[in-house]
Each structure stands twice: as C-alpha cells, then as structure tokens.
C-alpha cells in the first residue's frame, strides 16, 4: 500500500546521505585549503608583538563555541556508571540501564567504545547525541544524553530504540565535516587574525569585519545541514528501530508526541495565568519545567503543580528586595517579554483549536500506548484517511531539523520490511 503522504523510501534516503557526505568532504577539504592559504599570509610574529589584538581576533571565533561547551559542562547530568546502586528512574536502575545499553550496542553491531551515557534532569521526553568535533578535547562530553523523564515514560524496548537513534547520530548517520569542527574554529581564528592585522581595530570597519568572520567560517561547514538534516533524522529513527522493531519505535514516538502535547497545553495555560506577567519568557519556562513531575501524572495534576509553583515564585519576587530591584532594572526587558509571551499565547491558542485525530480510541486502554498488528493497521488507515487532522497539537512546523512525527511514524511503517530485515529483531 502506498502512502497518501510524502513518505520517503529508505533507499532514497541512503542515497541522499551518500550525496550529503560527498558535499561535506568537499567543504572540509575547502576549509583545510583556505586555512593553509591564510596561514601562509598571516604574519605570525605579529601575534607576539600584539597579543591583546590577537586574543580578541581569536576570541571572536572561539568564544561562542566555547560557551556552548561551558553550558554542556554546567548541565546537571550523571553518567550511568556513576549512579548509586539505589538510584531508580521509573522502573530502571543502574544495572538495568547498563545492560540495555550494552545489548543495544551489540544488536546494532557497533564497537564497544565505553561511550558515555548521561542522564539529564529534564521533564521532557527526549534525548540527544553530542559530538563536539574537537578530537580528544572534551571527549568525555561526546556521548548520549537521556532526559530523566524519558526513563519514567518509556518501557525498556522504547528506551533501547531511543538509544539506538542517538547511536545512529554518533556512529552511522552524520556529516563528516561535523567531526572536524576544530578545523572550522582554526580557520575562523586565522581569518580573524588576518583581518585584525590588515584592517586593525581602530575604527568601526575593523570590528564589523571581525564580527563577520564567525558566520562566514561556520557557513562553510553547515551548508549540508539545511538540506539533509531531516534525512539524518529519518535514518536514525530507522537505526533505532533495528534494535527492537518498528512497533516499539512507533510506540515511543506516540509517547513523545503525547508528552509534548501536554507541555504545550500547560505552557498555554501558564502564559494566560494571572501571575505570568511577573516572569520573562526564560524564567517562566524554567519555572514550568521545575514544576512538571517525573513519571505518570494527569494533565490536571501537572497544571495544578505548575500553577502552584508560579504563584510561589511570583509571591517571592514581590516580597523580596532583590525582586523589586530586578523589576526596576529590567522593566523595559520585561515589557518586551510580556509581548513575546502574548504572541506565544496566540500561537498556542490557534494550535489548540486545530482538528486532532482521536487515535487513542483505537486502544483498549488509552493510558497504555500499545498497538498489536490489527490495531496498528487501523492506526495507519486512520492517519491516511484524515490528512487534515493533526496527530498531536504541537508546533512541529517550528522545527525544521526533525520531520513531523506523523511522517516519521509512516516512514517506519512503510519501510518496516527493509528496516527489520537489517536487524537481529524478529516479531
């Protein structure tokens, strides 16, 4: 059966990945060549004579990337092997998580590189892979990051699917130029030094040209991303499904979508609350995230906890001297934040008004996301027959990197024979 949606074929995606890395190799070689040319022009003795200017030139390129590394270092996380024996996340403990990861690596026929797997204190159902592309520098940060909520919401097979997806980003489906970001940084730093040497920083022109250096350097390494990022996501879904089968992957995507949908509703209600005006957008989001409980909770229970947290924080700000000073100092900023929140509320309101598929009606128990063969066929038919209804009321259009959950699900379904044919999994 052919899908009525534009669902890609597995073979086409693999061909696209080959073309993407062919382009990525060309860009990498171009960067190396440009670095060599600039290095031959730069007066390296000048650096010793003008260390302050040289530092400014290098910092213009390196500081933004260093900031992202610093944020990752500061992120509250715990490597699985460093967990206490008594620590549990939902049904999982340290031993079970280590066993699941080893089994995932074995089923995907990947090398046992002692890759770090971190647990991140986040209430969202999600995960990500990290590779800074700096060789041995910060190598310990390269790895898989599982949000804590993911372990509370997903079962073992679904967690392995998530692990497999992220392993795909690290071992199988990535752009080669990303593994050599150190070349991009070196190119930008050398170009910055050249600009400062030739133009100087005595006037506005020099500073403007120096600020243009990082975007130019990164542009050379990120060209393939705009075109092939969704290709990579489909193929990483594919890779994860090779661990426990397509059904587990689809179940995981449905749970992810449901959790995101609840977050959108809670966010909308929080913005409309009477105390929302006491927060700028970043503080509001932080307050909401801190209030969302881990594990199973109804939408109403989550909303109550969020409302209580917002009222508590708002009252604390009003009573404290620091809160008063913050208001006086940031009044203009808060005004802009209020406008931004109002715009976000409008978008979320429109989203909540859109028609949505009642796919949960296909389940014997709506609180247990599990489809057998018969019900899965009904789910696919329902999705195909109502193309104008959303699978989830979430702002998927704002994320150009990931395909919509609907097409990710359909990709897995229509390519399942090839996907499961590549794995050790059998139904």
Protein backbone atom coordinates (compact mmCIF):
# COMPACT_ATOMS: atom_id res chain seq x y z
CA UNK A 1 0.00 0.00 0.00
CA UNK A 2 1.34 3.44 -0.92
CA UNK A 3 1.01 6.35 1.50
CA UNK A 4 -1.00 9.44 0.58
CA UNK A 5 1.65 11.47 2.44
CA UNK A 6 5.13 12.28 1.08
CA UNK A 7 6.85 9.46 2.95
CA UNK A 8 10.45 8.87 1.78
CA UNK A 9 11.79 5.49 0.71
CA UNK A 10 14.67 4.03 2.63
CA UNK A 11 16.84 3.56 -0.46
CA UNK A 12 16.36 7.20 -1.45
CA UNK A 13 17.41 8.41 1.99
CA UNK A 14 20.56 6.28 1.90
CA UNK A 15 21.45 7.78 -1.47
CA UNK A 16 20.83 11.27 -0.11
CA UNK A 17 23.15 10.52 2.81
CA UNK A 18 25.89 9.49 0.42
CA UNK A 19 25.49 12.74 -1.53
CA UNK A 20 25.45 14.75 1.70
CA UNK A 21 28.79 13.38 2.84
CA UNK A 22 30.28 13.80 -0.61
CA UNK A 23 29.46 17.51 -0.26
CA UNK A 24 30.69 17.51 3.34
CA UNK A 25 34.09 16.12 2.28
CA UNK A 26 34.40 18.84 -0.37
CA UNK A 27 33.63 21.51 2.23
CA UNK A 28 36.12 20.01 4.69
CA UNK A 29 38.89 19.95 2.10
CA UNK A 30 37.99 23.51 1.10
CA UNK A 31 38.34 24.63 4.72
CA UNK A 32 41.73 22.95 5.03
CA UNK A 33 42.92 24.59 1.81
CA UNK A 34 41.71 28.03 2.91
CA UNK A 35 43.37 27.54 6.30
CA UNK A 36 46.64 26.77 4.54
CA UNK A 37 46.38 29.84 2.32
CA UNK A 38 45.55 32.18 5.21
CA UNK A 39 48.30 30.66 7.35
CA UNK A 40 50.81 31.47 4.62
CA UNK A 41 49.68 35.11 4.53
CA UNK A 42 49.45 35.80 8.28
CA UNK A 43 52.45 37.42 9.98
CA UNK A 44 52.79 35.05 12.92
CA UNK A 45 55.45 37.22 14.54
CA UNK A 46 52.80 39.95 14.88
CA UNK A 47 50.95 37.77 17.42
CA UNK A 48 53.89 38.08 19.83
CA UNK A 49 54.02 41.83 19.31
CA UNK A 50 50.23 42.36 19.65
CA UNK A 51 48.98 39.61 21.98
CA UNK A 52 45.90 41.63 23.04
CA UNK A 53 44.67 42.16 19.48
CA UNK A 54 45.46 38.55 18.58
CA UNK A 55 43.45 37.36 21.57
CA UNK A 56 40.46 39.49 20.52
CA UNK A 57 40.67 38.12 16.98
CA UNK A 58 40.75 34.51 18.17
CA UNK A 59 38.06 35.08 20.81
CA UNK A 60 35.63 36.42 18.21
CA UNK A 61 35.58 32.94 16.65
CA UNK A 62 36.16 30.67 19.62
CA UNK A 63 34.08 32.27 22.39
CA UNK A 64 30.57 31.36 21.10
CA UNK A 65 31.57 27.72 20.64
CA UNK A 66 33.39 27.68 23.98
CA UNK A 67 30.20 28.98 25.57
CA UNK A 68 28.23 26.01 24.24
CA UNK A 69 30.84 23.66 25.70
CA UNK A 70 30.68 25.51 29.03
CA UNK A 71 26.89 25.15 29.05
CA UNK A 72 27.23 21.43 28.44
CA UNK A 73 29.76 21.17 31.27
CA UNK A 74 27.39 23.04 33.57
CA UNK A 75 24.35 20.92 32.63
CA UNK A 76 23.19 18.81 35.53
CA UNK A 77 23.87 15.26 34.41
CA UNK A 78 25.04 11.90 35.70
CA UNK A 79 26.80 9.14 33.80
CA UNK A 80 25.01 5.82 34.18
CA UNK A 81 28.02 4.02 35.63
CA UNK A 82 28.35 6.74 38.31
CA UNK A 83 24.79 6.32 39.58
CA UNK A 84 24.26 4.96 43.07
CA UNK A 85 23.08 1.38 43.27
CA UNK A 86 19.88 2.56 44.97
CA UNK A 87 19.03 5.20 42.32
CA UNK A 88 15.97 4.48 40.20
CA UNK A 89 14.32 6.28 37.32
CA UNK A 90 10.88 4.77 36.93
CA UNK A 91 11.41 1.04 36.52
CA UNK A 92 15.12 1.39 35.72
CA UNK A 93 18.16 1.17 37.95
CA UNK A 94 21.87 1.46 37.16
CA UNK A 95 22.36 -2.22 36.31
CA UNK A 96 19.33 -2.39 34.01
CA UNK A 97 20.36 0.75 32.10
CA UNK A 98 23.90 -0.51 31.59
CA UNK A 99 22.54 -3.85 30.41
CA UNK A 100 20.11 -2.19 27.99
CA UNK A 101 22.86 -0.05 26.51
CA UNK A 102 25.28 -2.98 26.06
CA UNK A 103 22.51 -5.01 24.42
CA UNK A 104 21.66 -2.09 22.11
CA UNK A 105 25.29 -1.70 21.03
CA UNK A 106 25.55 -5.46 20.40
CA UNK A 107 22.33 -5.65 18.36
CA UNK A 108 23.47 -2.75 16.19
CA UNK A 109 26.88 -4.39 15.74
CA UNK A 110 28.72 -1.32 16.98
CA UNK A 111 32.12 -1.23 18.70
CA UNK A 112 32.21 -1.18 22.49
CA UNK A 113 33.98 2.18 22.91
CA UNK A 114 32.86 2.80 26.50
CA UNK A 115 30.73 5.64 25.14
CA UNK A 116 29.33 7.84 27.93
CA UNK A 117 25.59 7.71 28.51
CA UNK A 118 24.33 10.55 30.70
CA UNK A 119 21.02 11.08 32.48
CA UNK A 120 19.90 14.73 32.30
CA UNK A 121 17.47 16.28 34.79
CA UNK A 122 14.79 17.30 32.29
CA UNK A 123 11.00 16.81 32.46
CA UNK A 124 10.69 16.43 28.67
CA UNK A 125 10.55 13.04 26.94
CA UNK A 126 13.58 13.29 24.69
CA UNK A 127 17.28 12.56 24.22
CA UNK A 128 20.18 13.86 22.18
CA UNK A 129 23.64 12.89 21.00
CA UNK A 130 26.64 15.16 21.43
CA UNK A 131 29.91 15.26 19.48
CA UNK A 132 31.94 18.48 19.63
CA UNK A 133 34.29 17.52 16.79
CA UNK A 134 37.42 18.58 18.69
CA UNK A 135 39.34 15.32 18.66
CA UNK A 136 40.47 14.31 22.16
CA UNK A 137 39.48 17.70 23.62
CA UNK A 138 36.31 17.38 25.75
CA UNK A 139 35.97 13.79 24.52
CA UNK A 140 34.17 12.83 27.74
CA UNK A 141 31.26 15.10 26.73
CA UNK A 142 30.75 13.22 23.47
CA UNK A 143 28.01 10.72 24.08
CA UNK A 144 24.29 10.10 24.59
CA UNK A 145 22.14 12.25 26.86
CA UNK A 146 18.83 10.75 28.03
CA UNK A 147 16.31 13.08 29.65
CA UNK A 148 15.23 11.70 33.00
CA UNK A 149 11.55 11.88 32.05
CA UNK A 150 12.26 9.54 29.12
CA UNK A 151 13.12 6.77 31.57
CA UNK A 152 9.92 7.37 33.52
CA UNK A 153 7.65 7.34 30.46
CA UNK A 154 9.12 4.65 28.18
CA UNK A 155 9.48 0.90 28.59
CA UNK A 156 12.79 -0.98 28.06
CA UNK A 157 12.26 -1.64 24.33
CA UNK A 158 11.38 2.02 23.72
CA UNK A 159 14.41 3.22 25.70
CA UNK A 160 16.61 0.97 23.56
CA UNK A 161 15.03 2.50 20.48
CA UNK A 162 15.97 5.98 21.75
CA UNK A 163 19.50 4.77 22.49
CA UNK A 164 19.73 3.28 19.01
CA UNK A 165 18.54 6.52 17.42
CA UNK A 166 21.22 8.53 19.21
CA UNK A 167 23.89 5.93 18.43
CA UNK A 168 22.92 6.41 14.79
CA UNK A 169 23.89 10.09 15.09
CA UNK A 170 27.27 9.17 16.57
CA UNK A 171 28.29 6.13 14.52
CA UNK A 172 26.23 5.84 11.36
CA UNK A 173 24.45 8.90 10.00
CA UNK A 174 26.42 12.09 10.48
CA UNK A 175 28.12 14.67 8.28
CA UNK A 176 31.85 14.13 8.24
CA UNK A 177 32.56 17.87 8.39
CA UNK A 178 30.96 17.92 11.87
CA UNK A 179 33.68 15.63 13.20
CA UNK A 180 36.30 18.25 12.30
CA UNK A 181 34.85 21.40 13.85
CA UNK A 182 38.34 22.08 15.14
CA UNK A 183 39.27 22.87 11.51
CA UNK A 184 36.40 25.36 11.28
CA UNK A 185 37.48 27.01 14.52
CA UNK A 186 41.10 27.20 13.36
CA UNK A 187 40.01 28.68 10.01
CA UNK A 188 37.88 31.33 11.71
CA UNK A 189 40.62 32.19 14.21
CA UNK A 190 43.25 32.52 11.43
CA UNK A 191 40.88 34.65 9.33
CA UNK A 192 40.16 36.86 12.34
CA UNK A 193 43.89 37.37 12.93
CA UNK A 194 44.35 38.28 9.27
CA UNK A 195 41.51 40.82 9.40
CA UNK A 196 42.89 42.50 12.52
CA UNK A 197 46.40 42.56 11.05
CA UNK A 198 45.34 44.16 7.79
CA UNK A 199 42.47 46.40 8.94
CA UNK A 200 43.14 46.93 12.63
CA UNK A 201 40.60 47.70 15.35
CA UNK A 202 40.98 51.47 15.43
CA UNK A 203 37.64 52.07 13.73
CA UNK A 204 34.18 50.61 13.25
CA UNK A 205 35.10 48.85 9.99
CA UNK A 206 37.60 46.56 11.69
CA UNK A 207 35.13 45.43 14.35
CA UNK A 208 32.35 44.88 11.80
CA UNK A 209 34.60 42.76 9.59
CA UNK A 210 35.80 40.77 12.60
CA UNK A 211 32.22 40.04 13.66
CA UNK A 212 31.53 38.76 10.13
CA UNK A 213 34.30 36.16 10.41
CA UNK A 214 32.48 33.51 12.56
CA UNK A 215 29.33 33.37 10.37
CA UNK A 216 31.47 33.00 7.24
CA UNK A 217 33.58 30.24 8.77
CA UNK A 218 30.56 28.29 10.10
CA UNK A 219 28.69 28.71 6.82
CA UNK A 220 31.32 26.57 5.09
CA UNK A 221 30.65 23.68 7.47
CA UNK A 222 26.86 23.93 7.81
CA UNK A 223 25.74 24.10 4.19
CA UNK A 224 24.65 20.41 4.08
CA UNK A 225 22.58 20.68 7.28
CA UNK A 226 19.74 22.73 5.82
CA UNK A 227 19.19 20.19 3.08
CA UNK A 228 19.94 16.89 4.78
CA UNK A 229 19.07 17.26 8.49
CA UNK A 230 15.69 15.55 8.07
CA UNK A 231 17.30 12.77 6.05
CA UNK A 232 19.57 12.09 9.00
CA UNK A 233 16.65 12.04 11.44
CA UNK A 234 14.68 9.54 9.37
CA UNK A 235 17.70 7.25 9.11
CA UNK A 236 18.43 7.49 12.83
CA UNK A 237 14.79 6.50 13.51
CA UNK A 238 15.47 3.63 11.14
CA UNK A 239 18.63 2.66 13.06
CA UNK A 240 16.85 2.74 16.40
CA UNK A 241 14.06 0.53 15.05
CA UNK A 242 16.64 -2.13 14.19
CA UNK A 243 17.05 -2.82 17.91
CA UNK A 244 13.52 -3.81 18.93
CA UNK A 245 11.40 -3.48 15.83
CA UNK A 246 9.21 -0.86 14.22
CA UNK A 247 6.32 -1.29 16.66
CA UNK A 248 8.45 -0.24 19.65
CA UNK A 249 9.71 2.76 17.68
CA UNK A 250 6.19 3.87 16.81
CA UNK A 251 5.05 3.44 20.41
CA UNK A 252 7.96 5.61 21.55
CA UNK A 253 7.13 8.34 19.03
CA UNK A 254 3.50 8.37 20.14
CA UNK A 255 4.52 8.75 23.79
CA UNK A 256 6.93 11.53 22.87
CA UNK A 257 4.16 13.33 20.99
CA UNK A 258 1.70 12.99 23.84
CA UNK A 259 4.19 14.37 26.35
CA UNK A 260 4.98 17.33 24.06
CA UNK A 261 1.27 17.98 23.60
CA UNK A 262 0.70 18.14 27.35
CA UNK A 263 3.65 20.54 27.68
CA UNK A 264 2.07 22.84 25.07
CA UNK A 265 -1.26 22.89 26.91
CA UNK A 266 0.42 23.55 30.25
CA UNK A 267 2.53 26.30 28.70
CA UNK A 268 -0.56 27.94 27.20
CA UNK A 269 -2.41 27.91 30.49
CA UNK A 270 0.65 29.21 32.35
CA UNK A 271 1.02 32.16 29.97
CA UNK A 272 -2.65 33.04 30.47
CA UNK A 273 -2.39 32.84 34.27
CA UNK A 274 -2.63 35.99 36.37
CA UNK A 275 0.96 35.70 37.59
CA UNK A 276 2.61 35.17 34.19
CA UNK A 277 3.35 38.88 33.90
CA UNK A 278 5.83 38.58 36.77
CA UNK A 279 8.18 36.50 34.63
CA UNK A 280 10.23 36.99 31.50
CA UNK A 281 9.95 34.11 28.97
CA UNK A 282 13.09 32.26 30.10
CA UNK A 283 12.14 32.46 33.79
CA UNK A 284 8.62 31.29 33.01
CA UNK A 285 9.85 28.27 31.09
CA UNK A 286 12.32 27.43 33.86
CA UNK A 287 9.57 27.65 36.46
CA UNK A 288 7.26 25.39 34.41
CA UNK A 289 9.99 22.81 33.86
CA UNK A 290 10.86 22.71 37.53
CA UNK A 291 7.22 22.08 38.43
CA UNK A 292 6.46 19.25 35.96
CA UNK A 293 6.69 15.98 37.91
CA UNK A 294 8.61 12.94 36.75
CA UNK A 295 6.58 9.86 35.94
CA UNK A 296 2.88 9.49 35.28
CA UNK A 297 0.62 12.44 36.06
CA UNK A 298 -2.61 13.65 34.52
CA UNK A 299 -2.77 16.93 32.65
CA UNK A 300 -4.81 18.40 35.50
CA UNK A 301 -2.25 17.30 38.12
CA UNK A 302 0.60 18.83 36.11
CA UNK A 303 -1.36 22.05 35.66
CA UNK A 304 -2.01 22.31 39.39
CA UNK A 305 1.68 21.84 40.22
CA UNK A 306 2.72 24.43 37.64
CA UNK A 307 0.15 26.97 38.87
CA UNK A 308 1.30 26.47 42.46
CA UNK A 309 4.96 26.92 41.51
CA UNK A 310 4.28 30.10 39.54
CA UNK A 311 2.28 31.64 42.39
CA UNK A 312 5.01 30.71 44.86
CA UNK A 313 7.76 32.28 42.76
CA UNK A 314 5.72 35.37 41.95
CA UNK A 315 4.98 35.95 45.64
CA UNK A 316 8.67 35.53 46.47
CA UNK A 317 9.66 38.12 43.88
CA UNK A 318 7.18 40.70 45.18
CA UNK A 319 8.21 40.28 48.80
CA UNK A 320 11.97 40.36 48.31
CA UNK A 321 14.13 43.45 47.83
CA UNK A 322 16.02 41.65 45.07
CA UNK A 323 12.73 41.07 43.27
CA UNK A 324 11.88 44.77 43.47
CA UNK A 325 15.32 45.79 42.20
CA UNK A 326 15.07 43.25 39.39
CA UNK A 327 11.72 44.69 38.34
CA UNK A 328 13.06 48.28 38.39
CA UNK A 329 16.19 47.37 36.42
CA UNK A 330 14.51 45.12 33.85
CA UNK A 331 11.18 46.89 33.37
CA UNK A 332 11.79 47.53 29.66
CA UNK A 333 13.04 43.99 29.13
CA UNK A 334 10.04 42.58 30.97
CA UNK A 335 7.73 44.65 28.75
CA UNK A 336 9.26 43.07 25.69
CA UNK A 337 8.97 39.68 27.37
CA UNK A 338 5.28 40.28 28.00
CA UNK A 339 4.74 40.99 24.31
CA UNK A 340 6.64 37.84 23.40
CA UNK A 341 4.53 35.77 25.78
CA UNK A 342 1.34 37.28 24.37
CA UNK A 343 2.40 36.29 20.85
CA UNK A 344 3.26 32.79 22.05
CA UNK A 345 -0.16 32.52 23.71
CA UNK A 346 -1.88 33.41 20.42
CA UNK A 347 0.07 30.73 18.55
CA UNK A 348 -0.70 28.10 21.18
CA UNK A 349 -4.39 29.08 21.17
CA UNK A 350 -4.58 28.59 17.39
CA UNK A 351 -2.82 25.26 17.80
CA UNK A 352 -5.34 24.04 20.38
CA UNK A 353 -8.20 24.91 18.01
CA UNK A 354 -6.93 22.71 15.16
CA UNK A 355 -8.66 19.36 14.50
CA UNK A 356 -6.87 16.36 16.01
CA UNK A 357 -7.11 12.63 15.31
CA UNK A 358 -8.75 10.66 18.09
CA UNK A 359 -6.26 7.82 17.64
CA UNK A 360 -6.40 6.90 21.35
CA UNK A 361 -9.90 5.50 20.72
CA UNK A 362 -8.24 2.56 18.98
CA UNK A 363 -6.62 1.47 22.25
CA UNK A 364 -8.35 -0.77 24.83
CA UNK A 365 -6.68 1.39 27.50
CA UNK A 366 -5.85 4.97 26.41
CA UNK A 367 -3.27 5.17 29.22
CA UNK A 368 -1.35 2.21 27.78
CA UNK A 369 0.16 3.05 24.37
CA UNK A 370 0.41 -0.37 22.78
CA UNK A 371 -0.75 -1.42 19.31
CA UNK A 372 -0.85 -5.00 18.15
CA UNK A 373 -0.78 -5.86 14.45
CA UNK A 374 -4.51 -5.37 13.92
CA UNK A 375 -4.75 -2.07 15.78
CA UNK A 376 -1.60 -0.76 14.11
CA UNK A 377 -3.18 -1.26 10.69
CA UNK A 378 -6.22 0.67 11.92
CA UNK A 379 -3.98 3.48 13.20
CA UNK A 380 -2.22 3.80 9.86
CA UNK A 381 -5.55 3.78 8.00
CA UNK A 382 -6.91 6.47 10.31
CA UNK A 383 -3.88 8.69 9.73
CA UNK A 384 -4.04 8.20 5.97
CA UNK A 385 -7.79 8.81 5.74
CA UNK A 386 -7.73 12.14 7.62
CA UNK A 387 -4.77 14.13 6.32
CA UNK A 388 -6.18 17.46 7.58
CA UNK A 389 -6.25 16.37 11.23
CA UNK A 390 -3.18 16.62 13.45
CA UNK A 391 -1.69 13.60 15.16
CA UNK A 392 -0.66 15.90 18.03
CA UNK A 393 -1.31 19.57 18.68
CA UNK A 394 2.35 20.51 18.81
CA UNK A 395 4.19 23.20 16.79
CA UNK A 396 6.10 20.81 14.53
CA UNK A 397 6.43 23.45 11.83
CA UNK A 398 8.82 25.40 14.08
CA UNK A 399 11.39 22.61 13.94
CA UNK A 400 12.99 22.26 10.52
CA UNK A 401 15.55 19.71 11.72
CA UNK A 402 13.11 16.94 12.61
CA UNK A 403 10.36 15.75 10.26
CA UNK A 404 6.79 15.85 11.64
CA UNK A 405 6.00 12.93 13.94
CA UNK A 406 3.28 11.79 11.54
CA UNK A 407 5.71 11.25 8.65
CA UNK A 408 8.35 9.74 10.95
CA UNK A 409 5.77 7.18 12.04
CA UNK A 410 4.65 6.47 8.47
CA UNK A 411 8.25 6.17 7.29
CA UNK A 412 8.87 3.41 9.83
CA UNK A 413 5.65 1.63 8.87
CA UNK A 414 6.07 1.66 5.10
CA UNK A 415 9.76 0.75 5.24
CA UNK A 416 9.44 -1.81 8.04
CA UNK A 417 10.34 -4.87 5.99
CA UNK A 418 13.68 -3.33 4.97
CA UNK A 419 14.35 -1.92 8.44
CA UNK A 420 13.68 -5.11 10.33
CA UNK A 421 15.48 -7.08 7.63
CA UNK A 422 18.67 -5.25 8.62
CA UNK A 423 18.32 -6.07 12.33
CA UNK A 424 18.55 -9.00 14.70
CA UNK A 425 14.96 -8.33 15.70
CA UNK A 426 12.19 -10.70 14.74
CA UNK A 427 8.49 -10.44 15.68
